[in-house]
Amino acid sequence: MGLWLKYLKLCKFAYGIKKPHAIYRMRLDSLSRNKLNLIKYQWYFYRNVEGLNPFKSIYFLIFWMYLGYV
């Protein structure tokens, strides 16, 4: 995800593509499969990679969890 955000910061706009262009495989022991364990990595990303303050990090973490649920 960080790579795409880095590119989007360099561009003025982006278009969404509705057709999938990749295959996504989930293993039983993968990080993506266990969302509770993924929260700490997502928090690390917001704080250390994006450099967000704790309040913005909490906001985006809650938003990320909501979108993962619906």
C-alpha atoms as a PDB file:
ATOM      1  CA  MET A   1       0.000   0.000   0.000  1.00  0.00           C
ATOM      2  CA  GLY A   2       2.822   2.409   0.762  1.00  0.00           C
ATOM      3  CA  LEU A   3       4.104   2.227  -2.795  1.00  0.00           C
ATOM      4  CA  TRP A   4       0.762   3.280  -4.259  1.00  0.00           C
ATOM      5  CA  LEU A   5       0.402   6.140  -1.796  1.00  0.00           C
ATOM      6  CA  LYS A   6       3.903   7.331  -2.669  1.00  0.00           C
ATOM      7  CA  TYR A   7       2.988   7.431  -6.366  1.00  0.00           C
ATOM      8  CA  LEU A   8      -0.328   9.157  -5.695  1.00  0.00           C
ATOM      9  CA  LYS A   9       1.466  11.925  -3.817  1.00  0.00           C
ATOM     10  CA  LEU A  10       3.537  12.612  -6.935  1.00  0.00           C
ATOM     11  CA  CYS A  11       0.535  12.714  -9.309  1.00  0.00           C
ATOM     12  CA  LYS A  12      -2.176  15.338  -9.574  1.00  0.00           C
ATOM     13  CA  PHE A  13      -4.935  12.769 -10.202  1.00  0.00           C
ATOM     14  CA  ALA A  14      -5.569   9.049 -10.596  1.00  0.00           C
ATOM     15  CA  TYR A  15      -8.238   6.886 -12.216  1.00  0.00           C
ATOM     16  CA  GLY A  16      -9.741   3.736 -10.763  1.00  0.00           C
ATOM     17  CA  ILE A  17      -9.760   0.566 -12.865  1.00  0.00           C
ATOM     18  CA  LYS A  18     -12.723  -1.728 -12.290  1.00  0.00           C
ATOM     19  CA  LYS A  19     -11.202  -4.755 -14.026  1.00  0.00           C
ATOM     20  CA  PRO A  20      -8.837  -6.790 -11.807  1.00  0.00           C
ATOM     21  CA  HIS A  21      -5.283  -7.030 -13.090  1.00  0.00           C
ATOM     22  CA  ALA A  22      -3.782  -9.271 -10.414  1.00  0.00           C
ATOM     23  CA  ILE A  23      -4.443 -12.503  -8.561  1.00  0.00           C
ATOM     24  CA  TYR A  24      -4.542 -12.339  -4.784  1.00  0.00           C
ATOM     25  CA  ARG A  25      -3.935 -15.534  -2.856  1.00  0.00           C
ATOM     26  CA  MET A  26      -4.387 -15.848   0.909  1.00  0.00           C
ATOM     27  CA  ARG A  27      -2.636 -18.548   2.885  1.00  0.00           C
ATOM     28  CA  LEU A  28      -3.870 -19.734   6.265  1.00  0.00           C
ATOM     29  CA  ASP A  29      -0.830 -18.235   8.010  1.00  0.00           C
ATOM     30  CA  SER A  30      -0.660 -14.989   6.000  1.00  0.00           C
ATOM     31  CA  LEU A  31      -0.650 -11.575   7.655  1.00  0.00           C
ATOM     32  CA  SER A  32      -3.611 -10.436   5.562  1.00  0.00           C
ATOM     33  CA  ARG A  33      -5.786 -13.247   6.836  1.00  0.00           C
ATOM     34  CA  ASN A  34      -5.671 -12.267  10.523  1.00  0.00           C
ATOM     35  CA  LYS A  35      -7.039  -8.729  10.718  1.00  0.00           C
ATOM     36  CA  LEU A  36      -6.412  -8.378  14.463  1.00  0.00           C
ATOM     37  CA  ASN A  37      -2.685  -8.947  13.966  1.00  0.00           C
ATOM     38  CA  LEU A  38      -2.711  -6.637  10.956  1.00  0.00           C
ATOM     39  CA  ILE A  39      -3.837  -3.666  13.080  1.00  0.00           C
ATOM     40  CA  LYS A  40      -0.380  -3.181  14.621  1.00  0.00           C
ATOM     41  CA  TYR A  41       1.251  -3.177  11.180  1.00  0.00           C
ATOM     42  CA  GLN A  42      -1.315  -0.711   9.901  1.00  0.00           C
ATOM     43  CA  TRP A  43      -0.653   1.529  12.919  1.00  0.00           C
ATOM     44  CA  TYR A  44       3.099   1.320  12.258  1.00  0.00           C
ATOM     45  CA  PHE A  45       2.491   2.321   8.644  1.00  0.00           C
ATOM     46  CA  TYR A  46       0.461   5.387   9.566  1.00  0.00           C
ATOM     47  CA  ARG A  47       2.877   6.545  12.261  1.00  0.00           C
ATOM     48  CA  ASN A  48       6.300   5.701  10.825  1.00  0.00           C
ATOM     49  CA  VAL A  49       5.889   5.516   7.058  1.00  0.00           C
ATOM     50  CA  GLU A  50       3.299   8.248   6.548  1.00  0.00           C
ATOM     51  CA  GLY A  51       4.469  10.265   9.562  1.00  0.00           C
ATOM     52  CA  LEU A  52       0.959  10.972  10.843  1.00  0.00           C
ATOM     53  CA  ASN A  53       0.372  12.203  14.377  1.00  0.00           C
ATOM     54  CA  PRO A  54      -1.399   9.838  16.824  1.00  0.00           C
ATOM     55  CA  PHE A  55      -4.821  11.456  16.358  1.00  0.00           C
ATOM     56  CA  LYS A  56      -4.767  11.213  12.569  1.00  0.00           C
ATOM     57  CA  SER A  57      -3.406   7.673  12.863  1.00  0.00           C
ATOM     58  CA  ILE A  58      -6.329   6.660  15.075  1.00  0.00           C
ATOM     59  CA  TYR A  59      -8.781   8.319  12.696  1.00  0.00           C
ATOM     60  CA  PHE A  60      -7.391   6.515   9.654  1.00  0.00           C
ATOM     61  CA  LEU A  61      -7.082   3.226  11.543  1.00  0.00           C
ATOM     62  CA  ILE A  62     -10.766   3.352  12.509  1.00  0.00           C
ATOM     63  CA  PHE A  63     -11.698   4.272   8.935  1.00  0.00           C
ATOM     64  CA  TRP A  64      -9.529   1.388   7.621  1.00  0.00           C
ATOM     65  CA  MET A  65     -11.230  -1.055  10.028  1.00  0.00           C
ATOM     66  CA  TYR A  66     -14.675   0.185   8.995  1.00  0.00           C
ATOM     67  CA  LEU A  67     -13.947  -0.238   5.282  1.00  0.00           C
ATOM     68  CA  GLY A  68     -12.581  -3.711   5.963  1.00  0.00           C
ATOM     69  CA  TYR A  69     -15.819  -4.634   7.678  1.00  0.00           C
ATOM     70  CA  VAL A  70     -18.387  -3.355   5.151  1.00  0.00           C
END
